Amino acid sequence: MFFGDYKKHSDAKINSSLLWEYNIDQVDYAKMRNVIVERVIERGWPDDWYALLNLYGVDGVISAIKELPYLNDKDMNFVTHVFNLPLAALKCYTNKQSARRHWNS
């Protein structure tokens, strides 16, 4: 795994600018797991990834990734390679595949 040494970075913190619209002192990290995981995937730096993995563990992050309703193609491919997941395991991928598209798009 790309972030396999995340336990060495136990002091890493999620950047509060990723959760700019929330009061960071009152964030319930358990309830907002999917939001936080999505923000780190979309805009996070390595320290944010280390903090995320220390906070939820690899299995918790993978579980959240599978539940996310939307990720762009680049982010989907990134997380499938980093966590060795098939694209079909992601809800955002199956939603995208089932969406009707115009014939020339």
PDB file of N, CA and C in Angstrom:
ATOM      1  N   MET A   1       0.848  -1.182   0.000  1.00  0.00           N
ATOM      2  CA  MET A   1       0.000   0.000   0.000  1.00  0.00           C
ATOM      3  C   MET A   1       0.893   1.244   0.000  1.00  0.00           C
ATOM      4  N   PHE A   2       0.467   2.234  -0.730  1.00  0.00           N
ATOM      5  CA  PHE A   2       1.229   3.460  -0.895  1.00  0.00           C
ATOM      6  C   PHE A   2       1.470   4.174   0.435  1.00  0.00           C
ATOM      7  N   PHE A   3       0.492   4.175   1.315  1.00  0.00           N
ATOM      8  CA  PHE A   3       0.608   4.837   2.613  1.00  0.00           C
ATOM      9  C   PHE A   3       0.845   3.811   3.721  1.00  0.00           C
ATOM     10  N   GLY A   4       1.592   2.762   3.436  1.00  0.00           N
ATOM     11  CA  GLY A   4       1.820   1.673   4.369  1.00  0.00           C
ATOM     12  C   GLY A   4       2.510   2.075   5.659  1.00  0.00           C
ATOM     13  N   ASP A   5       3.216   3.190   5.658  1.00  0.00           N
ATOM     14  CA  ASP A   5       3.923   3.635   6.860  1.00  0.00           C
ATOM     15  C   ASP A   5       3.132   4.672   7.654  1.00  0.00           C
ATOM     16  N   TYR A   6       1.803   4.657   7.514  1.00  0.00           N
ATOM     17  CA  TYR A   6       0.981   5.691   8.146  1.00  0.00           C
ATOM     18  C   TYR A   6       1.089   5.681   9.676  1.00  0.00           C
ATOM     19  N   LYS A   7       1.381   4.549  10.282  1.00  0.00           N
ATOM     20  CA  LYS A   7       1.469   4.486  11.744  1.00  0.00           C
ATOM     21  C   LYS A   7       2.663   5.276  12.280  1.00  0.00           C
ATOM     22  N   LYS A   8       3.660   5.509  11.440  1.00  0.00           N
ATOM     23  CA  LYS A   8       4.808   6.322  11.846  1.00  0.00           C
ATOM     24  C   LYS A   8       4.440   7.799  11.944  1.00  0.00           C
ATOM     25  N   HIS A   9       3.319   8.168  11.377  1.00  0.00           N
ATOM     26  CA  HIS A   9       2.881   9.565  11.345  1.00  0.00           C
ATOM     27  C   HIS A   9       1.660   9.761  12.247  1.00  0.00           C
ATOM     28  N   SER A  10       1.748   9.292  13.452  1.00  0.00           N
ATOM     29  CA  SER A  10       0.611   9.361  14.373  1.00  0.00           C
ATOM     30  C   SER A  10       0.268  10.784  14.792  1.00  0.00           C
ATOM     31  N   ASP A  11       1.175  11.715  14.575  1.00  0.00           N
ATOM     32  CA  ASP A  11       0.909  13.106  14.947  1.00  0.00           C
ATOM     33  C   ASP A  11       0.256  13.903  13.814  1.00  0.00           C
ATOM     34  N   ALA A  12       0.026  13.285  12.676  1.00  0.00           N
ATOM     35  CA  ALA A  12      -0.583  13.985  11.536  1.00  0.00           C
ATOM     36  C   ALA A  12      -2.024  14.348  11.854  1.00  0.00           C
ATOM     37  N   LYS A  13      -2.440  15.483  11.373  1.00  0.00           N
ATOM     38  CA  LYS A  13      -3.800  15.985  11.587  1.00  0.00           C
ATOM     39  C   LYS A  13      -4.433  16.323  10.244  1.00  0.00           C
ATOM     40  N   ILE A  14      -5.746  16.172  10.175  1.00  0.00           N
ATOM     41  CA  ILE A  14      -6.470  16.549   8.969  1.00  0.00           C
ATOM     42  C   ILE A  14      -6.547  18.065   8.927  1.00  0.00           C
ATOM     43  N   ASN A  15      -6.173  18.625   7.798  1.00  0.00           N
ATOM     44  CA  ASN A  15      -6.165  20.067   7.623  1.00  0.00           C
ATOM     45  C   ASN A  15      -7.584  20.611   7.748  1.00  0.00           C
ATOM     46  N   SER A  16      -7.777  21.583   8.600  1.00  0.00           N
ATOM     47  CA  SER A  16      -9.114  22.141   8.833  1.00  0.00           C
ATOM     48  C   SER A  16      -9.693  22.818   7.593  1.00  0.00           C
ATOM     49  N   SER A  17      -8.843  23.195   6.643  1.00  0.00           N
ATOM     50  CA  SER A  17      -9.361  23.838   5.435  1.00  0.00           C
ATOM     51  C   SER A  17     -10.136  22.850   4.559  1.00  0.00           C
ATOM     52  N   LEU A  18      -9.928  21.546   4.750  1.00  0.00           N
ATOM     53  CA  LEU A  18     -10.713  20.563   4.008  1.00  0.00           C
ATOM     54  C   LEU A  18     -12.161  20.533   4.476  1.00  0.00           C
ATOM     55  N   LEU A  19     -12.375  20.945   5.701  1.00  0.00           N
ATOM     56  CA  LEU A  19     -13.721  20.980   6.277  1.00  0.00           C
ATOM     57  C   LEU A  19     -14.107  22.418   6.589  1.00  0.00           C
ATOM     58  N   TRP A  20     -13.878  23.281   5.639  1.00  0.00           N
ATOM     59  CA  TRP A  20     -14.002  24.720   5.836  1.00  0.00           C
ATOM     60  C   TRP A  20     -15.388  25.146   6.292  1.00  0.00           C
ATOM     61  N   GLU A  21     -16.445  24.440   5.911  1.00  0.00           N
ATOM     62  CA  GLU A  21     -17.796  24.885   6.248  1.00  0.00           C
ATOM     63  C   GLU A  21     -18.283  24.369   7.605  1.00  0.00           C
ATOM     64  N   TYR A  22     -17.459  23.584   8.284  1.00  0.00           N
ATOM     65  CA  TYR A  22     -17.811  23.041   9.585  1.00  0.00           C
ATOM     66  C   TYR A  22     -16.942  23.655  10.672  1.00  0.00           C
ATOM     67  N   ASN A  23     -17.487  23.728  11.871  1.00  0.00           N
ATOM     68  CA  ASN A  23     -16.705  24.144  13.025  1.00  0.00           C
ATOM     69  C   ASN A  23     -15.836  22.957  13.419  1.00  0.00           C
ATOM     70  N   ILE A  24     -14.562  23.051  13.172  1.00  0.00           N
ATOM     71  CA  ILE A  24     -13.651  21.919  13.339  1.00  0.00           C
ATOM     72  C   ILE A  24     -13.609  21.416  14.780  1.00  0.00           C
ATOM     73  N   ASP A  25     -13.905  22.274  15.744  1.00  0.00           N
ATOM     74  CA  ASP A  25     -13.904  21.861  17.147  1.00  0.00           C
ATOM     75  C   ASP A  25     -15.124  21.007  17.502  1.00  0.00           C
ATOM     76  N   GLN A  26     -16.164  21.075  16.671  1.00  0.00           N
ATOM     77  CA  GLN A  26     -17.392  20.346  16.967  1.00  0.00           C
ATOM     78  C   GLN A  26     -17.674  19.221  15.972  1.00  0.00           C
ATOM     79  N   VAL A  27     -16.717  18.886  15.133  1.00  0.00           N
ATOM     80  CA  VAL A  27     -16.912  17.837  14.135  1.00  0.00           C
ATOM     81  C   VAL A  27     -16.960  16.481  14.829  1.00  0.00           C
ATOM     82  N   ASP A  28     -17.978  15.702  14.509  1.00  0.00           N
ATOM     83  CA  ASP A  28     -18.082  14.326  14.984  1.00  0.00           C
ATOM     84  C   ASP A  28     -17.450  13.444  13.911  1.00  0.00           C
ATOM     85  N   TYR A  29     -16.223  13.033  14.146  1.00  0.00           N
ATOM     86  CA  TYR A  29     -15.457  12.303  13.138  1.00  0.00           C
ATOM     87  C   TYR A  29     -16.075  10.950  12.793  1.00  0.00           C
ATOM     88  N   ALA A  30     -16.814  10.357  13.710  1.00  0.00           N
ATOM     89  CA  ALA A  30     -17.455   9.072  13.432  1.00  0.00           C
ATOM     90  C   ALA A  30     -18.634   9.255  12.480  1.00  0.00           C
ATOM     91  N   LYS A  31     -19.464  10.251  12.754  1.00  0.00           N
ATOM     92  CA  LYS A  31     -20.646  10.488  11.915  1.00  0.00           C
ATOM     93  C   LYS A  31     -20.286  11.061  10.547  1.00  0.00           C
ATOM     94  N   MET A  32     -19.205  11.793  10.480  1.00  0.00           N
ATOM     95  CA  MET A  32     -18.827  12.457   9.231  1.00  0.00           C
ATOM     96  C   MET A  32     -17.726  11.707   8.475  1.00  0.00           C
ATOM     97  N   ARG A  33     -17.577  10.442   8.753  1.00  0.00           N
ATOM     98  CA  ARG A  33     -16.500   9.657   8.138  1.00  0.00           C
ATOM     99  C   ARG A  33     -16.493   9.765   6.619  1.00  0.00           C
ATOM    100  N   ASN A  34     -17.632   9.574   5.982  1.00  0.00           N
ATOM    101  CA  ASN A  34     -17.662   9.584   4.513  1.00  0.00           C
ATOM    102  C   ASN A  34     -17.325  10.955   3.947  1.00  0.00           C
ATOM    103  N   VAL A  35     -17.781  12.004   4.585  1.00  0.00           N
ATOM    104  CA  VAL A  35     -17.464  13.364   4.130  1.00  0.00           C
ATOM    105  C   VAL A  35     -15.965  13.611   4.237  1.00  0.00           C
ATOM    106  N   ILE A  36     -15.398  13.233   5.360  1.00  0.00           N
ATOM    107  CA  ILE A  36     -13.967  13.455   5.589  1.00  0.00           C
ATOM    108  C   ILE A  36     -13.134  12.632   4.617  1.00  0.00           C
ATOM    109  N   VAL A  37     -13.506  11.381   4.408  1.00  0.00           N
ATOM    110  CA  VAL A  37     -12.776  10.526   3.467  1.00  0.00           C
ATOM    111  C   VAL A  37     -12.850  11.110   2.062  1.00  0.00           C
ATOM    112  N   GLU A  38     -14.025  11.549   1.658  1.00  0.00           N
ATOM    113  CA  GLU A  38     -14.179  12.140   0.323  1.00  0.00           C
ATOM    114  C   GLU A  38     -13.321  13.395   0.158  1.00  0.00           C
ATOM    115  N   ARG A  39     -13.296  14.265   1.152  1.00  0.00           N
ATOM    116  CA  ARG A  39     -12.503  15.490   1.071  1.00  0.00           C
ATOM    117  C   ARG A  39     -11.018  15.179   0.989  1.00  0.00           C
ATOM    118  N   VAL A  40     -10.562  14.209   1.766  1.00  0.00           N
ATOM    119  CA  VAL A  40      -9.138  13.856   1.728  1.00  0.00           C
ATOM    120  C   VAL A  40      -8.783  13.260   0.374  1.00  0.00           C
ATOM    121  N   ILE A  41      -9.652  12.425  -0.176  1.00  0.00           N
ATOM    122  CA  ILE A  41      -9.390  11.848  -1.493  1.00  0.00           C
ATOM    123  C   ILE A  41      -9.309  12.958  -2.537  1.00  0.00           C
ATOM    124  N   GLU A  42     -10.235  13.884  -2.499  1.00  0.00           N
ATOM    125  CA  GLU A  42     -10.306  14.922  -3.529  1.00  0.00           C
ATOM    126  C   GLU A  42      -9.228  15.987  -3.387  1.00  0.00           C
ATOM    127  N   ARG A  43      -8.898  16.384  -2.147  1.00  0.00           N
ATOM    128  CA  ARG A  43      -8.042  17.557  -1.966  1.00  0.00           C
ATOM    129  C   ARG A  43      -6.930  17.385  -0.945  1.00  0.00           C
ATOM    130  N   GLY A  44      -6.770  16.191  -0.388  1.00  0.00           N
ATOM    131  CA  GLY A  44      -5.846  16.013   0.720  1.00  0.00           C
ATOM    132  C   GLY A  44      -4.394  15.872   0.312  1.00  0.00           C
ATOM    133  N   TRP A  45      -3.526  16.271   1.220  1.00  0.00           N
ATOM    134  CA  TRP A  45      -2.079  16.113   1.098  1.00  0.00           C
ATOM    135  C   TRP A  45      -1.680  14.850   1.840  1.00  0.00           C
ATOM    136  N   PRO A  46      -0.448  14.389   1.701  1.00  0.00           N
ATOM    137  CA  PRO A  46      -0.047  13.157   2.403  1.00  0.00           C
ATOM    138  C   PRO A  46      -0.320  13.175   3.909  1.00  0.00           C
ATOM    139  N   ASP A  47      -0.112  14.293   4.579  1.00  0.00           N
ATOM    140  CA  ASP A  47      -0.408  14.344   6.016  1.00  0.00           C
ATOM    141  C   ASP A  47      -1.886  14.096   6.298  1.00  0.00           C
ATOM    142  N   ASP A  48      -2.755  14.572   5.413  1.00  0.00           N
ATOM    143  CA  ASP A  48      -4.187  14.324   5.577  1.00  0.00           C
ATOM    144  C   ASP A  48      -4.487  12.834   5.430  1.00  0.00           C
ATOM    145  N   TRP A  49      -3.816  12.180   4.491  1.00  0.00           N
ATOM    146  CA  TRP A  49      -3.986  10.735   4.313  1.00  0.00           C
ATOM    147  C   TRP A  49      -3.493   9.974   5.542  1.00  0.00           C
ATOM    148  N   TYR A  50      -2.343  10.367   6.079  1.00  0.00           N
ATOM    149  CA  TYR A  50      -1.829   9.699   7.270  1.00  0.00           C
ATOM    150  C   TYR A  50      -2.805   9.856   8.440  1.00  0.00           C
ATOM    151  N   ALA A  51      -3.321  11.054   8.614  1.00  0.00           N
ATOM    152  CA  ALA A  51      -4.277  11.297   9.697  1.00  0.00           C
ATOM    153  C   ALA A  51      -5.545  10.484   9.484  1.00  0.00           C
ATOM    154  N   LEU A  52      -6.010  10.419   8.246  1.00  0.00           N
ATOM    155  CA  LEU A  52      -7.214   9.662   7.917  1.00  0.00           C
ATOM    156  C   LEU A  52      -7.036   8.182   8.243  1.00  0.00           C
ATOM    157  N   LEU A  53      -5.916   7.626   7.834  1.00  0.00           N
ATOM    158  CA  LEU A  53      -5.659   6.208   8.095  1.00  0.00           C
ATOM    159  C   LEU A  53      -5.461   5.933   9.577  1.00  0.00           C
ATOM    160  N   ASN A  54      -4.855   6.850  10.305  1.00  0.00           N
ATOM    161  CA  ASN A  54      -4.710   6.671  11.754  1.00  0.00           C
ATOM    162  C   ASN A  54      -6.056   6.794  12.459  1.00  0.00           C
ATOM    163  N   LEU A  55      -6.930   7.634  11.938  1.00  0.00           N
ATOM    164  CA  LEU A  55      -8.227   7.871  12.555  1.00  0.00           C
ATOM    165  C   LEU A  55      -9.187   6.706  12.337  1.00  0.00           C
ATOM    166  N   TYR A  56      -9.282   6.214  11.104  1.00  0.00           N
ATOM    167  CA  TYR A  56     -10.276   5.187  10.767  1.00  0.00           C
ATOM    168  C   TYR A  56      -9.690   3.809  10.504  1.00  0.00           C
ATOM    169  N   GLY A  57      -8.389   3.712  10.327  1.00  0.00           N
ATOM    170  CA  GLY A  57      -7.779   2.439   9.962  1.00  0.00           C
ATOM    171  C   GLY A  57      -8.000   2.149   8.487  1.00  0.00           C
ATOM    172  N   VAL A  58      -7.236   1.225   7.959  1.00  0.00           N
ATOM    173  CA  VAL A  58      -7.326   0.902   6.532  1.00  0.00           C
ATOM    174  C   VAL A  58      -8.711   0.351   6.201  1.00  0.00           C
ATOM    175  N   ASP A  59      -9.228  -0.537   7.030  1.00  0.00           N
ATOM    176  CA  ASP A  59     -10.537  -1.130   6.752  1.00  0.00           C
ATOM    177  C   ASP A  59     -11.655  -0.092   6.817  1.00  0.00           C
ATOM    178  N   GLY A  60     -11.570   0.841   7.745  1.00  0.00           N
ATOM    179  CA  GLY A  60     -12.576   1.898   7.840  1.00  0.00           C
ATOM    180  C   GLY A  60     -12.558   2.814   6.627  1.00  0.00           C
ATOM    181  N   VAL A  61     -11.360   3.141   6.137  1.00  0.00           N
ATOM    182  CA  VAL A  61     -11.233   3.997   4.954  1.00  0.00           C
ATOM    183  C   VAL A  61     -11.766   3.261   3.728  1.00  0.00           C
ATOM    184  N   ILE A  62     -11.424   1.988   3.591  1.00  0.00           N
ATOM    185  CA  ILE A  62     -11.915   1.207   2.449  1.00  0.00           C
ATOM    186  C   ILE A  62     -13.433   1.104   2.484  1.00  0.00           C
ATOM    187  N   SER A  63     -13.985   0.878   3.642  1.00  0.00           N
ATOM    188  CA  SER A  63     -15.439   0.799   3.788  1.00  0.00           C
ATOM    189  C   SER A  63     -16.102   2.110   3.371  1.00  0.00           C
ATOM    190  N   ALA A  64     -15.530   3.223   3.786  1.00  0.00           N
ATOM    191  CA  ALA A  64     -16.078   4.525   3.416  1.00  0.00           C
ATOM    192  C   ALA A  64     -15.949   4.776   1.915  1.00  0.00           C
ATOM    193  N   ILE A  65     -14.817   4.397   1.334  1.00  0.00           N
ATOM    194  CA  ILE A  65     -14.611   4.585  -0.106  1.00  0.00           C
ATOM    195  C   ILE A  65     -15.669   3.831  -0.891  1.00  0.00           C
ATOM    196  N   LYS A  66     -15.975   2.629  -0.459  1.00  0.00           N
ATOM    197  CA  LYS A  66     -16.977   1.826  -1.161  1.00  0.00           C
ATOM    198  C   LYS A  66     -18.364   2.448  -1.100  1.00  0.00           C
ATOM    199  N   GLU A  67     -18.637   3.244  -0.073  1.00  0.00           N
ATOM    200  CA  GLU A  67     -19.961   3.843   0.125  1.00  0.00           C
ATOM    201  C   GLU A  67     -20.129   5.214  -0.514  1.00  0.00           C
ATOM    202  N   LEU A  68     -19.047   5.849  -0.949  1.00  0.00           N
ATOM    203  CA  LEU A  68     -19.140   7.211  -1.465  1.00  0.00           C
ATOM    204  C   LEU A  68     -20.020   7.267  -2.714  1.00  0.00           C
ATOM    205  N   PRO A  69     -20.954   8.219  -2.759  1.00  0.00           N
ATOM    206  CA  PRO A  69     -21.847   8.294  -3.918  1.00  0.00           C
ATOM    207  C   PRO A  69     -21.205   8.899  -5.163  1.00  0.00           C
ATOM    208  N   TYR A  70     -20.127   9.669  -4.994  1.00  0.00           N
ATOM    209  CA  TYR A  70     -19.497  10.279  -6.168  1.00  0.00           C
ATOM    210  C   TYR A  70     -18.000  10.478  -5.949  1.00  0.00           C
ATOM    211  N   LEU A  71     -17.236  10.107  -6.950  1.00  0.00           N
ATOM    212  CA  LEU A  71     -15.825  10.469  -7.087  1.00  0.00           C
ATOM    213  C   LEU A  71     -15.579  10.668  -8.572  1.00  0.00           C
ATOM    214  N   ASN A  72     -14.710  11.586  -8.925  1.00  0.00           N
ATOM    215  CA  ASN A  72     -14.396  11.730 -10.341  1.00  0.00           C
ATOM    216  C   ASN A  72     -13.524  10.553 -10.789  1.00  0.00           C
ATOM    217  N   ASP A  73     -13.342  10.413 -12.087  1.00  0.00           N
ATOM    218  CA  ASP A  73     -12.624   9.259 -12.635  1.00  0.00           C
ATOM    219  C   ASP A  73     -11.202   9.147 -12.108  1.00  0.00           C
ATOM    220  N   LYS A  74     -10.517  10.270 -12.016  1.00  0.00           N
ATOM    221  CA  LYS A  74      -9.133  10.267 -11.537  1.00  0.00           C
ATOM    222  C   LYS A  74      -9.052   9.756 -10.098  1.00  0.00           C
ATOM    223  N   ASP A  75      -9.924  10.253  -9.248  1.00  0.00           N
ATOM    224  CA  ASP A  75      -9.914   9.835  -7.845  1.00  0.00           C
ATOM    225  C   ASP A  75     -10.345   8.378  -7.685  1.00  0.00           C
ATOM    226  N   MET A  76     -11.320   7.938  -8.494  1.00  0.00           N
ATOM    227  CA  MET A  76     -11.728   6.534  -8.454  1.00  0.00           C
ATOM    228  C   MET A  76     -10.563   5.616  -8.791  1.00  0.00           C
ATOM    229  N   ASN A  77      -9.857   5.946  -9.851  1.00  0.00           N
ATOM    230  CA  ASN A  77      -8.734   5.118 -10.252  1.00  0.00           C
ATOM    231  C   ASN A  77      -7.614   5.144  -9.220  1.00  0.00           C
ATOM    232  N   PHE A  78      -7.383   6.294  -8.615  1.00  0.00           N
ATOM    233  CA  PHE A  78      -6.348   6.405  -7.591  1.00  0.00           C
ATOM    234  C   PHE A  78      -6.650   5.481  -6.415  1.00  0.00           C
ATOM    235  N   VAL A  79      -7.854   5.574  -5.862  1.00  0.00           N
ATOM    236  CA  VAL A  79      -8.162   4.764  -4.677  1.00  0.00           C
ATOM    237  C   VAL A  79      -8.232   3.279  -4.999  1.00  0.00           C
ATOM    238  N   THR A  80      -8.647   2.919  -6.212  1.00  0.00           N
ATOM    239  CA  THR A  80      -8.670   1.490  -6.542  1.00  0.00           C
ATOM    240  C   THR A  80      -7.258   0.927  -6.629  1.00  0.00           C
ATOM    241  N   HIS A  81      -6.316   1.730  -7.097  1.00  0.00           N
ATOM    242  CA  HIS A  81      -4.933   1.258  -7.165  1.00  0.00           C
ATOM    243  C   HIS A  81      -4.255   1.270  -5.796  1.00  0.00           C
ATOM    244  N   VAL A  82      -4.478   2.299  -5.017  1.00  0.00           N
ATOM    245  CA  VAL A  82      -3.841   2.396  -3.702  1.00  0.00           C
ATOM    246  C   VAL A  82      -4.341   1.292  -2.766  1.00  0.00           C
ATOM    247  N   PHE A  83      -5.645   1.031  -2.786  1.00  0.00           N
ATOM    248  CA  PHE A  83      -6.218   0.056  -1.862  1.00  0.00           C
ATOM    249  C   PHE A  83      -6.527  -1.285  -2.514  1.00  0.00           C
ATOM    250  N   ASN A  84      -6.089  -1.464  -3.753  1.00  0.00           N
ATOM    251  CA  ASN A  84      -6.258  -2.726  -4.473  1.00  0.00           C
ATOM    252  C   ASN A  84      -7.720  -3.172  -4.495  1.00  0.00           C
ATOM    253  N   LEU A  85      -8.585  -2.280  -4.942  1.00  0.00           N
ATOM    254  CA  LEU A  85     -10.016  -2.553  -5.026  1.00  0.00           C
ATOM    255  C   LEU A  85     -10.442  -2.645  -6.490  1.00  0.00           C
ATOM    256  N   PRO A  86     -11.407  -3.497  -6.792  1.00  0.00           N
ATOM    257  CA  PRO A  86     -11.959  -3.473  -8.144  1.00  0.00           C
ATOM    258  C   PRO A  86     -12.896  -2.276  -8.286  1.00  0.00           C
ATOM    259  N   LEU A  87     -12.941  -1.682  -9.451  1.00  0.00           N
ATOM    260  CA  LEU A  87     -13.824  -0.540  -9.674  1.00  0.00           C
ATOM    261  C   LEU A  87     -15.271  -0.885  -9.346  1.00  0.00           C
ATOM    262  N   ALA A  88     -15.686  -2.099  -9.676  1.00  0.00           N
ATOM    263  CA  ALA A  88     -17.079  -2.503  -9.454  1.00  0.00           C
ATOM    264  C   ALA A  88     -17.459  -2.523  -7.975  1.00  0.00           C
ATOM    265  N   ALA A  89     -16.489  -2.516  -7.069  1.00  0.00           N
ATOM    266  CA  ALA A  89     -16.780  -2.505  -5.633  1.00  0.00           C
ATOM    267  C   ALA A  89     -17.188  -1.118  -5.144  1.00  0.00           C
ATOM    268  N   LEU A  90     -16.978  -0.091  -5.959  1.00  0.00           N
ATOM    269  CA  LEU A  90     -17.282   1.278  -5.559  1.00  0.00           C
ATOM    270  C   LEU A  90     -18.699   1.657  -5.975  1.00  0.00           C
ATOM    271  N   LYS A  91     -19.459   2.166  -5.016  1.00  0.00           N
ATOM    272  CA  LYS A  91     -20.820   2.616  -5.292  1.00  0.00           C
ATOM    273  C   LYS A  91     -20.822   3.726  -6.344  1.00  0.00           C
ATOM    274  N   CYS A  92     -19.837   4.614  -6.269  1.00  0.00           N
ATOM    275  CA  CYS A  92     -19.788   5.723  -7.226  1.00  0.00           C
ATOM    276  C   CYS A  92     -19.557   5.219  -8.650  1.00  0.00           C
ATOM    277  N   TYR A  93     -18.844   4.120  -8.806  1.00  0.00           N
ATOM    278  CA  TYR A  93     -18.613   3.549 -10.139  1.00  0.00           C
ATOM    279  C   TYR A  93     -19.879   2.883 -10.667  1.00  0.00           C
ATOM    280  N   THR A  94     -20.554   2.102  -9.823  1.00  0.00           N
ATOM    281  CA  THR A  94     -21.769   1.440 -10.280  1.00  0.00           C
ATOM    282  C   THR A  94     -22.869   2.451 -10.561  1.00  0.00           C
ATOM    283  N   ASN A  95     -22.934   3.534  -9.774  1.00  0.00           N
ATOM    284  CA  ASN A  95     -23.905   4.602 -10.058  1.00  0.00           C
ATOM    285  C   ASN A  95     -23.608   5.260 -11.393  1.00  0.00           C
ATOM    286  N   LYS A  96     -22.343   5.492 -11.659  1.00  0.00           N
ATOM    287  CA  LYS A  96     -21.941   6.132 -12.904  1.00  0.00           C
ATOM    288  C   LYS A  96     -22.279   5.251 -14.097  1.00  0.00           C
ATOM    289  N   GLN A  97     -22.074   3.946 -13.959  1.00  0.00           N
ATOM    290  CA  GLN A  97     -22.350   3.027 -15.050  1.00  0.00           C
ATOM    291  C   GLN A  97     -23.841   2.901 -15.329  1.00  0.00           C
ATOM    292  N   SER A  98     -24.671   3.056 -14.320  1.00  0.00           N
ATOM    293  CA  SER A  98     -26.112   2.908 -14.513  1.00  0.00           C
ATOM    294  C   SER A  98     -26.787   4.203 -14.934  1.00  0.00           C
ATOM    295  N   ALA A  99     -26.062   5.316 -14.892  1.00  0.00           N
ATOM    296  CA  ALA A  99     -26.645   6.597 -15.287  1.00  0.00           C
ATOM    297  C   ALA A  99     -26.831   6.633 -16.803  1.00  0.00           C
ATOM    298  N   ARG A 100     -27.986   7.105 -17.223  1.00  0.00           N
ATOM    299  CA  ARG A 100     -28.269   7.221 -18.649  1.00  0.00           C
ATOM    300  C   ARG A 100     -27.524   8.423 -19.204  1.00  0.00           C
ATOM    301  N   ARG A 101     -26.899   8.212 -20.334  1.00  0.00           N
ATOM    302  CA  ARG A 101     -26.139   9.290 -20.975  1.00  0.00           C
ATOM    303  C   ARG A 101     -26.705   9.555 -22.344  1.00  0.00           C
ATOM    304  N   HIS A 102     -26.499  10.744 -22.798  1.00  0.00           N
ATOM    305  CA  HIS A 102     -26.892  11.099 -24.140  1.00  0.00           C
ATOM    306  C   HIS A 102     -26.041  10.298 -25.115  1.00  0.00           C
ATOM    307  N   TRP A 103     -26.563   9.949 -26.257  1.00  0.00           N
ATOM    308  CA  TRP A 103     -25.875   9.034 -27.175  1.00  0.00           C
ATOM    309  C   TRP A 103     -24.541   9.543 -27.680  1.00  0.00           C
ATOM    310  N   ASN A 104     -24.294  10.840 -27.688  1.00  0.00           N
ATOM    311  CA  ASN A 104     -23.009  11.345 -28.219  1.00  0.00           C
ATOM    312  C   ASN A 104     -22.103  11.911 -27.131  1.00  0.00           C
ATOM    313  N   SER A 105     -22.335  11.566 -25.896  1.00  0.00           N
ATOM    314  CA  SER A 105     -21.477  12.108 -24.834  1.00  0.00           C
ATOM    315  C   SER A 105     -20.324  11.196 -24.515  1.00  0.00           C
TER     316      SER A 105
END
